[in-house]
Amino acid sequence: MRRLLLAIPVVAALGVLSCTSDDPTIEAPPAPDPRPPTPPEWDRAVTRPDEATAAADRAACKFGRGALPDETLGASIPMGKDIPIETIVVLMQENRSFDHYFGKFGKYAGRADFAGAPDDATNPDRTGPVSSGSHPWQQAAHHCFLDTNHGWVGTHTQINGGKMDGFYETNHDIKGEVMPDPTMALRDGERAMWWYDERQIPYYYALAKAFGIGDHYFCSVPGPTLPNRMYLFAATSFGQTSNVFPDIGAYPFPANDAVILDELDKRHVDWKLYTSGGPAGAAAVLSVQLPVRYNRDVTFPIEDFYRDAAEGKLPPVVYVDPNFLKTGDPDNDDEHPPSNLQIGQRFVSKVVDALMKSPQWGKLALFITYDEHGGLYDHMPPPKACVPDDKPLIDKQGNPLAGAFDSYGVRVPMIVVSPWAKRGHVSHDVYDHASILRFIQAKHRLPALTARDANALVPIDFFDFASPPNLSIPALPEAVVDPGEMTYCDQTFKRE
């Protein structure tokens, strides 16, 4: 008997045993994962600090590149599998300050603790040889207006050492490239002091009241779009202070300058970039050929996002971009002036609706924010920030600039939508774009890219992971586009 049993594998190996059509098919082994292996140091043993110690060390900018979330965040903050979010979605719109959109939110939400601008806020008129009075913070006349100054120099003038009084002067009588010769009424600096409220952007107010909003969320750089969007991916702008970058593929992007997409690949976490038009944001922002860098297609049209959401096929990390490179078009969906902001609000509502209807709704979180303030008034001075790296500041011509990336930019809106979000919550914690990075890193146990994200606080305050998710869908108003406003915007700003 023993001899027979020992012989069976030998006979089978020689192919003597007969095979029938009922035998199971032997499948080929899976193809090896082309992505690089996870560095072993990412899984090193770490003793979690208490929250007071971690907070003090972050405030002192103690942590640097490579620091794990377990090392920089207190033991009470969940990590990895303790964060029950399986799909993280990031949607970044364009060029709106916090007070510009939500300065009146406290009144409508009944929140006395909400940090909106005071009703009597003003900015002086310093456009002439002598100051000639002041200009009040006032309700916007239209949903579109001439673009405003949000460059590196202009933004620093607006902040003015924390006085927040340079918005009118930096936006008065500027012409810009979109409209070479606008009327004086269109280029009056008062447009930088405009605000909207629940009557004008009802969907955004309802969404913020239904889920969570942060009133201390700042953009990462006191400057324009692309440096701020780089912080969303890299926690640095690699020294850039302007929007004038080299052609895609030409930017000197050293191999050791990783971005979050590289970290996700090394951890074998899938991700996708969806765009409503034009090249995907990461390609433009990072000036790299993404399919070449990652050896696969990673950018997809927005229609694929809607389909993937409906079929429950969104990957663990998702970036959704409006067509933010289509500047100067009032019909664009990115909300960058002179775009009709109602169109951007409608675009955001479609993304939110797709996620709420997705089979993945119960285990996802959507972060909605804006790249920078767009030159529009906000009353809160930006705090000091940790310098991300040792890269020198350069201007649009590549010339060196004095200073450092040691301050956040102006406040921008931040809304968190999730079944795990605290309903009706207002977070007063200080965050910037690197905080979203740190949330992704905390979920997937990834190291910091620079000192900025290493010392960032994760936006855990928006969530309640101790309770079951609230899967109910709140009643939200339709994000309508007013035909009269669309006609005005097209007639005023549409280019042939």
Protein backbone atom coordinates (compact mmCIF):
# COMPACT_ATOMS: atom_id res chain seq x y z
CA MET A 1 0.00 0.00 0.00
CA ARG A 2 2.78 2.41 0.93
CA ARG A 3 4.54 1.63 -2.36
CA LEU A 4 1.42 2.44 -4.38
CA LEU A 5 0.89 5.79 -2.71
CA LEU A 6 4.47 6.80 -3.31
CA ALA A 7 4.23 5.84 -6.95
CA ILE A 8 1.22 7.96 -7.79
CA PRO A 9 2.98 11.34 -7.95
CA VAL A 10 5.79 9.82 -9.97
CA VAL A 11 3.39 8.40 -12.53
CA ALA A 12 1.48 11.67 -12.68
CA ALA A 13 4.69 13.56 -13.21
CA LEU A 14 5.55 11.30 -16.14
CA GLY A 15 2.22 12.03 -17.75
CA VAL A 16 1.08 8.41 -17.61
CA LEU A 17 -2.19 9.16 -15.83
CA SER A 18 -4.90 9.90 -18.36
CA CYS A 19 -6.64 13.29 -18.54
CA THR A 20 -10.30 13.75 -19.29
CA SER A 21 -12.32 16.77 -20.31
CA ASP A 22 -13.54 17.02 -16.71
CA ASP A 23 -10.06 17.75 -15.37
CA PRO A 24 -9.58 21.34 -14.15
CA THR A 25 -7.65 23.65 -16.46
CA ILE A 26 -4.29 24.67 -15.08
CA GLU A 27 -4.15 28.47 -15.15
CA ALA A 28 -0.99 30.31 -16.03
CA PRO A 29 0.59 32.16 -13.12
CA PRO A 30 -0.31 35.86 -12.94
CA ALA A 31 2.03 38.27 -14.65
CA PRO A 32 4.48 39.90 -12.27
CA ASP A 33 3.48 43.35 -11.03
CA PRO A 34 5.53 45.86 -13.06
CA ARG A 35 5.49 48.36 -10.22
CA PRO A 36 8.55 48.69 -7.99
CA PRO A 37 8.59 46.78 -4.71
CA THR A 38 7.61 48.43 -1.46
CA PRO A 39 10.72 49.64 0.39
CA PRO A 40 11.09 47.61 3.59
CA GLU A 41 11.73 50.73 5.68
CA TRP A 42 8.13 51.80 5.08
CA ASP A 43 7.07 48.94 7.34
CA ARG A 44 9.58 49.55 10.09
CA ALA A 45 8.42 49.28 13.68
CA VAL A 46 7.39 52.63 15.15
CA THR A 47 6.36 53.68 18.63
CA ARG A 48 3.41 56.04 18.33
CA PRO A 49 3.85 59.33 20.23
CA ASP A 50 1.16 60.86 22.39
CA GLU A 51 -0.81 63.59 20.67
CA ALA A 52 0.62 66.48 22.72
CA THR A 53 4.19 65.50 21.89
CA ALA A 54 3.39 64.90 18.23
CA ALA A 55 1.59 68.25 17.93
CA ALA A 56 4.48 70.13 19.53
CA ASP A 57 6.99 68.44 17.24
CA ARG A 58 4.90 69.23 14.16
CA ALA A 59 4.58 72.86 15.23
CA ALA A 60 8.36 73.00 15.51
CA CYS A 61 8.70 71.47 12.01
CA LYS A 62 10.71 68.64 13.52
CA PHE A 63 9.80 66.00 10.97
CA GLY A 64 11.21 65.70 7.47
CA ARG A 65 11.05 63.70 4.30
CA GLY A 66 10.57 59.99 4.91
CA ALA A 67 8.78 60.38 8.24
CA LEU A 68 5.99 57.85 8.58
CA PRO A 69 2.52 58.96 9.69
CA ASP A 70 2.89 56.72 12.75
CA GLU A 71 5.87 58.84 13.80
CA THR A 72 4.28 62.26 13.32
CA LEU A 73 0.68 61.75 14.44
CA GLY A 74 -0.56 60.91 17.92
CA ALA A 75 -1.58 57.41 18.91
CA SER A 76 -5.25 58.43 19.00
CA ILE A 77 -5.33 59.12 15.25
CA PRO A 78 -6.35 56.05 13.22
CA MET A 79 -3.98 54.59 10.66
CA GLY A 80 -4.17 52.04 7.88
CA LYS A 81 -7.07 49.62 8.27
CA ASP A 82 -8.42 51.65 11.19
CA ILE A 83 -9.44 54.25 8.60
CA PRO A 84 -12.53 52.57 7.08
CA ILE A 85 -12.26 54.59 3.87
CA GLU A 86 -11.43 52.40 0.87
CA THR A 87 -11.77 55.06 -1.83
CA ILE A 88 -10.33 58.57 -1.42
CA VAL A 89 -11.50 61.09 -4.03
CA VAL A 90 -9.94 64.54 -4.40
CA LEU A 91 -11.65 67.29 -6.43
CA MET A 92 -9.84 70.61 -6.69
CA GLN A 93 -11.57 73.58 -8.30
CA GLU A 94 -10.07 76.97 -9.10
CA ASN A 95 -9.48 80.41 -7.65
CA ARG A 96 -11.97 81.15 -4.88
CA SER A 97 -11.17 82.39 -1.40
CA PHE A 98 -12.97 81.17 1.69
CA ASP A 99 -14.70 84.44 2.59
CA HIS A 100 -15.60 84.98 -1.06
CA TYR A 101 -17.81 81.86 -0.95
CA PHE A 102 -18.43 81.06 2.71
CA GLY A 103 -17.89 84.27 4.64
CA LYS A 104 -21.65 84.38 5.25
CA PHE A 105 -22.03 80.66 5.99
CA GLY A 106 -22.18 81.08 9.77
CA LYS A 107 -25.30 83.22 9.44
CA TYR A 108 -27.14 80.61 7.37
CA ALA A 109 -25.90 77.63 9.37
CA GLY A 110 -26.57 79.23 12.74
CA ARG A 111 -22.92 78.85 13.77
CA ALA A 112 -21.62 81.71 15.91
CA ASP A 113 -18.22 79.96 16.07
CA PHE A 114 -17.78 80.08 12.29
CA ALA A 115 -14.78 82.15 11.19
CA GLY A 116 -16.36 84.26 8.46
CA ALA A 117 -15.36 87.81 7.64
CA PRO A 118 -16.89 90.63 9.70
CA ASP A 119 -19.76 92.40 7.96
CA ASP A 120 -17.90 95.71 8.09
CA ALA A 121 -14.72 94.42 6.43
CA THR A 122 -13.06 96.88 4.05
CA ASN A 123 -9.93 97.41 2.00
CA PRO A 124 -8.29 100.80 1.45
CA ASP A 125 -7.90 102.44 -1.93
CA ARG A 126 -4.18 103.00 -2.44
CA THR A 127 -4.31 103.13 -6.23
CA GLY A 128 -3.60 106.87 -6.42
CA PRO A 129 -0.86 109.09 -5.01
CA VAL A 130 -2.80 109.28 -1.75
CA SER A 131 -5.27 106.93 -0.11
CA SER A 132 -8.83 107.80 -1.10
CA GLY A 133 -11.13 106.02 1.31
CA SER A 134 -12.03 102.37 1.56
CA HIS A 135 -14.07 99.77 -0.26
CA PRO A 136 -16.47 97.46 1.58
CA TRP A 137 -16.81 93.72 1.43
CA GLN A 138 -20.02 93.47 -0.60
CA GLN A 139 -22.37 91.06 -2.32
CA ALA A 140 -21.40 90.06 -5.85
CA ALA A 141 -23.40 91.51 -8.69
CA HIS A 142 -22.90 88.61 -11.10
CA HIS A 143 -21.71 84.99 -11.17
CA CYS A 144 -18.83 85.92 -13.46
CA PHE A 145 -16.31 88.75 -13.41
CA LEU A 146 -12.93 89.71 -14.82
CA ASP A 147 -10.02 87.65 -13.52
CA THR A 148 -8.17 88.95 -10.49
CA ASN A 149 -4.51 89.17 -9.48
CA HIS A 150 -3.28 85.99 -7.81
CA GLY A 151 0.40 86.00 -8.70
CA TRP A 152 3.26 85.65 -6.24
CA VAL A 153 3.90 89.39 -5.88
CA GLY A 154 0.23 90.36 -5.96
CA THR A 155 -0.74 87.82 -3.31
CA HIS A 156 2.00 89.01 -0.96
CA THR A 157 0.77 92.58 -1.43
CA GLN A 158 -2.76 91.44 -0.62
CA ILE A 159 -1.65 89.68 2.56
CA ASN A 160 0.60 92.65 3.49
CA GLY A 161 2.19 91.06 6.51
CA GLY A 162 -1.16 89.81 7.80
CA LYS A 163 -3.14 93.05 7.38
CA MET A 164 -5.12 91.49 4.48
CA ASP A 165 -5.67 94.96 3.01
CA GLY A 166 -4.16 94.81 -0.46
CA PHE A 167 -6.95 93.15 -2.43
CA TYR A 168 -8.53 96.27 -3.89
CA GLU A 169 -5.30 97.95 -4.96
CA THR A 170 -3.84 94.85 -6.64
CA ASN A 171 -7.00 94.31 -8.68
CA HIS A 172 -7.96 97.84 -9.68
CA ASP A 173 -7.48 98.79 -13.32
CA ILE A 174 -5.67 95.60 -14.31
CA LYS A 175 -6.36 94.33 -17.80
CA GLY A 176 -4.69 90.95 -18.04
CA GLU A 177 -4.46 88.65 -21.03
CA VAL A 178 -8.03 87.36 -21.20
CA MET A 179 -9.56 90.73 -22.08
CA PRO A 180 -6.91 93.15 -23.38
CA ASP A 181 -9.20 96.18 -23.09
CA PRO A 182 -12.13 95.62 -20.68
CA THR A 183 -14.26 98.52 -19.58
CA MET A 184 -13.34 100.36 -16.40
CA ALA A 185 -16.46 98.98 -14.71
CA LEU A 186 -15.22 95.44 -15.29
CA ARG A 187 -11.70 96.10 -14.03
CA ASP A 188 -12.69 98.00 -10.90
CA GLY A 189 -10.91 96.57 -7.86
CA GLU A 190 -14.21 96.23 -6.00
CA ARG A 191 -14.77 92.84 -7.62
CA ALA A 192 -12.00 91.44 -5.38
CA MET A 193 -14.19 92.36 -2.38
CA TRP A 194 -17.27 90.49 -3.62
CA TRP A 195 -18.94 87.71 -1.67
CA TYR A 196 -21.66 85.15 -2.40
CA ASP A 197 -24.15 83.58 -0.03
CA GLU A 198 -26.73 80.80 0.12
CA ARG A 199 -29.05 82.61 -2.28
CA GLN A 200 -26.40 82.60 -5.01
CA ILE A 201 -24.61 79.27 -4.43
CA PRO A 202 -27.34 77.23 -2.71
CA TYR A 203 -25.87 73.84 -3.60
CA TYR A 204 -22.53 74.57 -1.96
CA TYR A 205 -24.17 75.89 1.20
CA ALA A 206 -26.46 72.87 1.43
CA LEU A 207 -23.56 70.47 0.86
CA ALA A 208 -21.45 72.15 3.55
CA LYS A 209 -24.34 72.11 6.02
CA ALA A 210 -25.11 68.45 5.27
CA PHE A 211 -21.53 67.24 5.72
CA GLY A 212 -18.43 69.07 6.98
CA ILE A 213 -16.61 72.30 6.19
CA GLY A 214 -13.26 73.60 7.43
CA ASP A 215 -12.83 77.29 8.27
CA HIS A 216 -9.04 77.12 8.72
CA TYR A 217 -8.04 75.43 5.47
CA PHE A 218 -5.38 77.39 3.58
CA CYS A 219 -3.87 76.88 0.17
CA SER A 220 -0.22 75.85 0.36
CA VAL A 221 1.50 78.74 -1.43
CA PRO A 222 0.76 82.51 -1.44
CA GLY A 223 0.69 82.41 -5.21
CA PRO A 224 -0.99 81.00 -8.32
CA THR A 225 -2.45 77.72 -9.56
CA LEU A 226 0.34 75.38 -10.58
CA PRO A 227 2.60 75.75 -7.52
CA ASN A 228 -0.42 75.07 -5.31
CA ARG A 229 -1.54 72.08 -7.33
CA MET A 230 1.99 70.70 -7.11
CA TYR A 231 1.63 70.65 -3.33
CA LEU A 232 -1.41 68.41 -3.75
CA PHE A 233 0.83 65.81 -5.38
CA ALA A 234 4.30 66.53 -3.99
CA ALA A 235 4.04 68.75 -0.86
CA THR A 236 6.38 71.16 -2.65
CA SER A 237 6.45 73.21 -5.83
CA PHE A 238 10.14 72.44 -6.41
CA GLY A 239 10.92 76.15 -6.07
CA GLN A 240 8.34 77.32 -8.60
CA THR A 241 6.35 80.48 -7.76
CA SER A 242 4.65 81.00 -11.12
CA ASN A 243 2.42 79.29 -13.66
CA VAL A 244 4.99 79.44 -16.44
CA PHE A 245 6.40 75.94 -16.57
CA PRO A 246 8.39 74.23 -19.34
CA ASP A 247 6.67 72.02 -21.87
CA ILE A 248 5.30 68.73 -20.62
CA GLY A 249 8.14 66.26 -20.49
CA ALA A 250 10.83 68.93 -20.31
CA TYR A 251 10.62 69.83 -16.64
CA PRO A 252 13.73 68.75 -14.71
CA PHE A 253 12.07 66.18 -12.50
CA PRO A 254 14.83 64.32 -10.62
CA ALA A 255 14.28 60.67 -9.88
CA ASN A 256 14.61 61.27 -6.16
CA ASP A 257 11.84 63.87 -6.20
CA ALA A 258 8.93 61.52 -5.69
CA VAL A 259 5.26 62.45 -5.75
CA ILE A 260 2.32 60.70 -4.11
CA LEU A 261 1.65 58.73 -7.29
CA ASP A 262 5.11 57.14 -7.05
CA GLU A 263 4.50 56.19 -3.42
CA LEU A 264 1.16 54.62 -4.27
CA ASP A 265 2.81 52.57 -7.00
CA LYS A 266 5.47 51.31 -4.62
CA ARG A 267 2.75 50.32 -2.15
CA HIS A 268 0.84 48.70 -5.06
CA VAL A 269 -2.21 50.90 -4.45
CA ASP A 270 -4.17 51.64 -7.62
CA TRP A 271 -5.05 55.20 -8.61
CA LYS A 272 -6.53 57.11 -11.51
CA LEU A 273 -6.73 60.68 -12.76
CA TYR A 274 -9.99 61.79 -14.36
CA THR A 275 -10.38 65.07 -16.25
CA SER A 276 -13.36 66.88 -17.72
CA GLY A 277 -11.26 68.17 -20.59
CA GLY A 278 -7.70 68.87 -21.65
CA PRO A 279 -4.72 67.04 -20.19
CA ALA A 280 -5.07 65.60 -16.72
CA GLY A 281 -4.05 67.95 -13.97
CA ALA A 282 -1.07 65.95 -12.79
CA ALA A 283 0.45 65.90 -16.28
CA ALA A 284 0.25 69.68 -16.60
CA VAL A 285 1.20 70.37 -13.01
CA LEU A 286 4.16 68.03 -12.80
CA SER A 287 5.22 68.53 -16.42
CA VAL A 288 5.85 64.84 -16.92
CA GLN A 289 4.68 62.29 -19.43
CA LEU A 290 2.59 60.19 -17.09
CA PRO A 291 2.15 57.10 -19.32
CA VAL A 292 5.94 56.99 -19.79
CA ARG A 293 6.69 57.53 -16.12
CA TYR A 294 4.19 54.90 -14.96
CA ASN A 295 4.28 52.54 -17.96
CA ARG A 296 0.50 52.54 -18.36
CA ASP A 297 -2.47 54.79 -19.02
CA VAL A 298 -3.42 56.66 -15.86
CA THR A 299 -5.53 59.55 -17.16
CA PHE A 300 -9.14 59.14 -18.24
CA PRO A 301 -12.05 61.34 -19.38
CA ILE A 302 -14.72 62.34 -16.90
CA GLU A 303 -17.20 60.01 -18.61
CA ASP A 304 -15.05 57.10 -17.40
CA PHE A 305 -15.31 58.44 -13.86
CA TYR A 306 -19.10 58.42 -13.98
CA ARG A 307 -19.10 54.88 -15.40
CA ASP A 308 -16.54 53.57 -12.92
CA ALA A 309 -18.47 55.12 -10.03
CA ALA A 310 -21.73 53.56 -11.22
CA GLU A 311 -20.09 50.14 -11.60
CA GLY A 312 -18.23 50.31 -8.29
CA LYS A 313 -14.85 50.23 -10.00
CA LEU A 314 -13.16 53.36 -8.68
CA PRO A 315 -9.61 52.65 -7.45
CA PRO A 316 -8.48 53.42 -3.88
CA VAL A 317 -7.17 56.89 -4.80
CA VAL A 318 -8.90 59.14 -7.33
CA TYR A 319 -8.18 62.66 -8.55
CA VAL A 320 -10.92 64.49 -10.45
CA ASP A 321 -9.99 67.62 -12.38
CA PRO A 322 -12.12 70.24 -14.07
CA ASN A 323 -10.76 71.60 -17.32
CA PHE A 324 -8.61 74.12 -15.46
CA LEU A 325 -6.31 74.80 -18.42
CA LYS A 326 -9.16 76.26 -20.49
CA THR A 327 -8.73 79.75 -19.07
CA GLY A 328 -10.82 82.76 -19.95
CA ASP A 329 -13.96 80.89 -21.04
CA PRO A 330 -17.14 81.87 -19.15
CA ASP A 331 -18.60 78.44 -19.96
CA ASN A 332 -15.79 76.50 -18.27
CA ASP A 333 -16.38 74.22 -15.27
CA ASP A 334 -13.35 75.09 -13.11
CA GLU A 335 -14.80 78.30 -11.53
CA HIS A 336 -11.71 80.30 -12.50
CA PRO A 337 -12.86 83.86 -13.32
CA PRO A 338 -14.33 84.84 -15.68
CA SER A 339 -16.02 81.43 -15.69
CA ASN A 340 -19.64 81.41 -14.57
CA LEU A 341 -19.28 79.79 -11.15
CA GLN A 342 -22.72 78.19 -11.51
CA ILE A 343 -21.26 75.90 -14.18
CA GLY A 344 -18.52 74.79 -11.80
CA GLN A 345 -21.08 74.26 -9.04
CA ARG A 346 -23.08 72.06 -11.42
CA PHE A 347 -19.95 70.07 -12.30
CA VAL A 348 -19.19 69.46 -8.62
CA SER A 349 -22.80 68.41 -8.01
CA LYS A 350 -22.54 65.78 -10.76
CA VAL A 351 -19.39 64.34 -9.18
CA VAL A 352 -21.03 64.25 -5.75
CA ASP A 353 -24.21 62.68 -7.15
CA ALA A 354 -22.22 59.97 -8.95
CA LEU A 355 -20.43 59.06 -5.72
CA MET A 356 -23.62 59.01 -3.65
CA LYS A 357 -25.20 56.60 -6.14
CA SER A 358 -22.10 54.40 -6.37
CA PRO A 359 -21.95 50.94 -4.76
CA GLN A 360 -18.76 52.27 -3.14
CA TRP A 361 -20.57 55.11 -1.33
CA GLY A 362 -20.40 53.42 2.07
CA LYS A 363 -16.62 53.37 2.13
CA LEU A 364 -15.47 56.51 0.37
CA ALA A 365 -14.56 60.10 1.17
CA LEU A 366 -14.56 63.10 -1.16
CA PHE A 367 -12.38 66.13 -0.44
CA ILE A 368 -13.56 69.24 -2.30
CA THR A 369 -11.23 72.23 -2.23
CA TYR A 370 -9.72 75.02 -4.37
CA ASP A 371 -6.17 75.43 -5.56
CA GLU A 372 -5.81 79.04 -4.37
CA HIS A 373 -7.78 82.17 -3.54
CA GLY A 374 -7.68 83.74 -6.98
CA GLY A 375 -6.88 87.23 -5.67
CA LEU A 376 -10.22 87.44 -3.83
CA TYR A 377 -10.60 88.87 -0.34
CA ASP A 378 -10.24 86.84 2.83
CA HIS A 379 -9.86 88.37 6.26
CA MET A 380 -7.76 85.70 8.02
CA PRO A 381 -3.95 86.06 7.87
CA PRO A 382 -2.21 82.86 6.72
CA PRO A 383 -0.17 81.16 9.47
CA LYS A 384 3.48 80.24 9.25
CA ALA A 385 4.19 76.91 7.55
CA CYS A 386 7.05 74.42 7.47
CA VAL A 387 9.52 75.00 4.64
CA PRO A 388 9.17 71.85 2.51
CA ASP A 389 12.72 71.44 1.21
CA ASP A 390 15.93 73.27 0.34
CA LYS A 391 14.98 74.18 -3.22
CA PRO A 392 15.47 77.91 -3.90
CA LEU A 393 12.58 80.08 -5.03
CA ILE A 394 12.56 81.03 -8.71
CA ASP A 395 10.42 83.39 -10.79
CA LYS A 396 8.81 82.73 -14.16
CA GLN A 397 12.12 83.33 -15.96
CA GLY A 398 13.95 80.94 -13.66
CA ASN A 399 15.70 83.73 -11.76
CA PRO A 400 16.24 83.28 -8.02
CA LEU A 401 13.92 85.04 -5.58
CA ALA A 402 14.47 86.02 -1.98
CA GLY A 403 12.37 84.40 0.72
CA ALA A 404 11.12 80.92 1.46
CA PHE A 405 7.97 78.82 1.35
CA ASP A 406 7.45 79.46 5.05
CA SER A 407 3.83 80.62 4.96
CA TYR A 408 0.54 79.16 3.83
CA GLY A 409 -1.42 80.97 1.16
CA VAL A 410 -4.85 82.55 1.60
CA ARG A 411 -7.77 80.50 2.96
CA VAL A 412 -9.81 78.49 0.48
CA PRO A 413 -12.99 76.39 0.88
CA MET A 414 -12.79 72.76 2.01
CA ILE A 415 -15.82 70.45 2.17
CA VAL A 416 -15.61 66.77 3.08
CA VAL A 417 -18.39 64.49 1.79
CA SER A 418 -18.62 60.96 3.17
CA PRO A 419 -20.98 58.61 5.03
CA TRP A 420 -18.28 58.71 7.71
CA ALA A 421 -18.25 62.52 7.87
CA LYS A 422 -19.61 64.29 10.93
CA ARG A 423 -22.88 65.77 9.72
CA GLY A 424 -23.09 69.55 10.03
CA HIS A 425 -19.53 69.76 11.32
CA VAL A 426 -17.21 72.78 11.21
CA SER A 427 -13.53 71.95 11.64
CA HIS A 428 -11.36 74.70 13.11
CA ASP A 429 -8.07 72.83 12.69
CA VAL A 430 -5.41 74.30 10.42
CA TYR A 431 -4.92 72.39 7.17
CA ASP A 432 -3.46 72.90 3.72
CA HIS A 433 -3.21 70.78 0.56
CA ALA A 434 -0.45 68.70 2.17
CA SER A 435 -3.01 67.57 4.76
CA ILE A 436 -4.89 65.68 2.05
CA LEU A 437 -1.60 64.07 1.08
CA ARG A 438 -1.03 63.09 4.69
CA PHE A 439 -4.49 61.52 4.87
CA ILE A 440 -3.64 59.31 1.89
CA GLN A 441 -0.31 58.49 3.50
CA ALA A 442 -1.97 57.64 6.82
CA LYS A 443 -4.44 55.34 5.11
CA HIS A 444 -1.78 53.49 3.12
CA ARG A 445 1.16 53.95 5.51
CA LEU A 446 3.34 55.98 3.15
CA PRO A 447 6.27 58.20 4.14
CA ALA A 448 6.32 61.97 3.89
CA LEU A 449 7.54 63.51 0.65
CA THR A 450 8.84 66.73 2.24
CA ALA A 451 8.85 68.52 5.56
CA ARG A 452 5.52 70.15 4.66
CA ASP A 453 3.45 66.95 4.59
CA ALA A 454 5.59 65.38 7.32
CA ASN A 455 4.40 68.09 9.72
CA ALA A 456 0.84 68.32 8.39
CA LEU A 457 -2.18 67.37 10.46
CA VAL A 458 -4.45 64.83 8.79
CA PRO A 459 -8.08 66.01 8.45
CA ILE A 460 -9.40 63.30 10.76
CA ASP A 461 -11.47 65.89 12.61
CA PHE A 462 -14.02 65.76 9.77
CA PHE A 463 -14.79 62.09 10.45
CA ASP A 464 -16.46 59.91 13.07
CA PHE A 465 -14.96 56.46 12.68
CA ALA A 466 -16.25 55.29 16.07
CA SER A 467 -19.86 55.17 14.83
CA PRO A 468 -21.43 53.30 11.90
CA PRO A 469 -21.49 55.24 8.62
CA ASN A 470 -24.54 57.37 7.91
CA LEU A 471 -25.56 56.03 4.51
CA SER A 472 -28.54 58.34 4.11
CA ILE A 473 -28.44 60.75 1.20
CA PRO A 474 -29.24 64.33 2.24
CA ALA A 475 -31.69 66.39 0.23
CA LEU A 476 -29.66 68.82 -1.85
CA PRO A 477 -30.95 71.53 -4.19
CA GLU A 478 -30.29 71.29 -7.88
CA ALA A 479 -27.20 73.16 -9.01
CA VAL A 480 -28.87 75.28 -11.66
CA VAL A 481 -27.31 77.60 -14.20
CA ASP A 482 -29.39 80.74 -14.55
CA PRO A 483 -30.03 81.48 -18.26
CA GLY A 484 -29.92 85.22 -17.67
CA GLU A 485 -26.54 85.00 -15.97
CA MET A 486 -25.23 82.72 -18.71
CA THR A 487 -26.28 85.24 -21.33
CA TYR A 488 -24.57 88.05 -19.43
CA CYS A 489 -21.37 86.04 -18.99
CA ASP A 490 -21.26 84.97 -22.63
CA GLN A 491 -21.94 88.45 -23.95
CA THR A 492 -19.41 90.04 -21.62
CA PHE A 493 -16.54 87.57 -21.66
CA LYS A 494 -16.98 85.11 -24.53
CA ARG A 495 -14.10 85.21 -27.00
CA GLU A 496 -14.49 84.27 -30.63
